Amino acid sequence: MATNPTTKKPAADTAKESVEAVTETDPALPARTAAPDPDVVGPPLPLNVEPVTVTLVHHHTIDGSDYPPGAKLLVSPDYARRLRGQGYATQV
């Protein structure tokens, strides 16, 4: 029969460790910001390309900013096509 070579710690030490573990805090996540004023969001626009306005149908987070359903965003045409394809923006 196999034996376990490790020894158990006394109960007092375990309680002290569990209290210490609870008092430690996890590093804070970066705070999300509110949606900024209308500006081009997402990937940058290529040269000589006009932004396209899209209306979101689902909640979406872009670059750490939250956008609720119904938000109108200026995005690059390629990004608008991807948002529509994934169901985040209305099909126009």
Protein backbone atom coordinates (compact mmCIF):
# COMPACT_ATOMS: atom_id res chain seq x y z
CA MET A 1 0.00 0.00 0.00
CA ALA A 2 1.34 3.44 -0.95
CA THR A 3 1.83 6.10 1.67
CA ASN A 4 1.69 9.83 1.28
CA PRO A 5 5.11 11.32 2.15
CA THR A 6 3.69 14.82 2.80
CA THR A 7 2.69 15.85 6.27
CA LYS A 8 -0.45 17.70 7.22
CA LYS A 9 -0.14 21.17 8.68
CA PRO A 10 -1.81 21.91 11.99
CA ALA A 11 -5.30 23.41 11.73
CA ALA A 12 -4.19 26.76 13.22
CA ASP A 13 -1.71 27.36 10.40
CA THR A 14 -4.31 26.53 7.77
CA ALA A 15 -6.81 29.00 9.22
CA LYS A 16 -4.16 31.72 9.29
CA GLU A 17 -3.28 31.07 5.63
CA SER A 18 -6.92 31.14 4.54
CA VAL A 19 -7.42 34.52 6.26
CA GLU A 20 -4.32 35.88 4.53
CA ALA A 21 -5.51 34.58 1.17
CA VAL A 22 -8.86 36.33 1.56
CA THR A 23 -7.30 39.69 2.39
CA GLU A 24 -5.21 39.72 -0.81
CA THR A 25 -6.88 41.57 -3.67
CA ASP A 26 -6.73 40.79 -7.36
CA PRO A 27 -5.29 43.46 -9.63
CA ALA A 28 -8.06 45.76 -10.82
CA LEU A 29 -9.29 45.43 -14.38
CA PRO A 30 -9.15 48.57 -16.50
CA ALA A 31 -12.35 50.55 -16.08
CA ARG A 32 -14.64 50.72 -19.08
CA THR A 33 -15.37 54.18 -20.33
CA ALA A 34 -18.64 55.59 -21.56
CA ALA A 35 -19.11 55.93 -25.30
CA PRO A 36 -17.20 58.98 -26.57
CA ASP A 37 -18.59 61.70 -28.82
CA PRO A 38 -19.26 60.64 -32.42
CA ASP A 39 -15.91 59.86 -33.91
CA VAL A 40 -14.54 57.08 -36.05
CA VAL A 41 -14.26 53.96 -33.87
CA GLY A 42 -12.66 50.61 -34.52
CA PRO A 43 -9.84 50.11 -37.01
CA PRO A 44 -8.38 53.28 -38.52
CA LEU A 45 -9.66 54.50 -41.88
CA PRO A 46 -7.58 53.84 -44.99
CA LEU A 47 -6.43 56.93 -46.88
CA ASN A 48 -9.08 58.73 -48.96
CA VAL A 49 -11.97 56.62 -47.60
CA GLU A 50 -15.06 58.19 -46.02
CA PRO A 51 -16.45 56.68 -42.78
CA VAL A 52 -19.83 54.93 -42.79
CA THR A 53 -22.55 55.33 -40.15
CA VAL A 54 -23.88 52.10 -38.63
CA THR A 55 -26.59 51.52 -36.04
CA LEU A 56 -25.92 48.79 -33.48
CA VAL A 57 -28.63 46.23 -32.74
CA HIS A 58 -26.79 44.61 -29.82
CA HIS A 59 -24.62 45.87 -26.98
CA HIS A 60 -21.02 46.01 -28.18
CA THR A 61 -17.66 47.05 -26.71
CA ILE A 62 -15.12 48.60 -29.05
CA ASP A 63 -11.68 49.65 -27.80
CA GLY A 64 -12.86 49.52 -24.16
CA SER A 65 -15.93 51.73 -24.73
CA ASP A 66 -19.45 50.37 -24.27
CA TYR A 67 -22.05 51.09 -26.94
CA PRO A 68 -25.71 50.24 -26.24
CA PRO A 69 -28.18 48.98 -28.86
CA GLY A 70 -29.32 51.83 -31.11
CA ALA A 71 -26.00 53.69 -30.92
CA LYS A 72 -24.93 55.28 -34.21
CA LEU A 73 -21.20 54.93 -34.92
CA LEU A 74 -18.86 56.18 -37.61
CA VAL A 75 -16.67 53.28 -38.77
CA SER A 76 -14.61 52.30 -41.79
CA PRO A 77 -16.57 50.59 -44.60
CA ASP A 78 -14.69 47.32 -44.03
CA TYR A 79 -15.44 47.35 -40.29
CA ALA A 80 -19.11 48.16 -41.04
CA ARG A 81 -19.28 45.12 -43.32
CA ARG A 82 -17.81 42.92 -40.56
CA LEU A 83 -20.21 44.31 -37.92
CA ARG A 84 -23.18 43.64 -40.20
CA GLY A 85 -21.95 40.15 -41.02
CA GLN A 86 -21.61 39.28 -37.32
CA GLY A 87 -25.07 40.66 -36.51
CA TYR A 88 -23.96 43.69 -34.45
CA ALA A 89 -25.19 46.34 -36.90
CA THR A 90 -28.38 46.73 -38.89
CA GLN A 91 -28.45 45.59 -42.50
CA VAL A 92 -29.05 48.64 -44.68
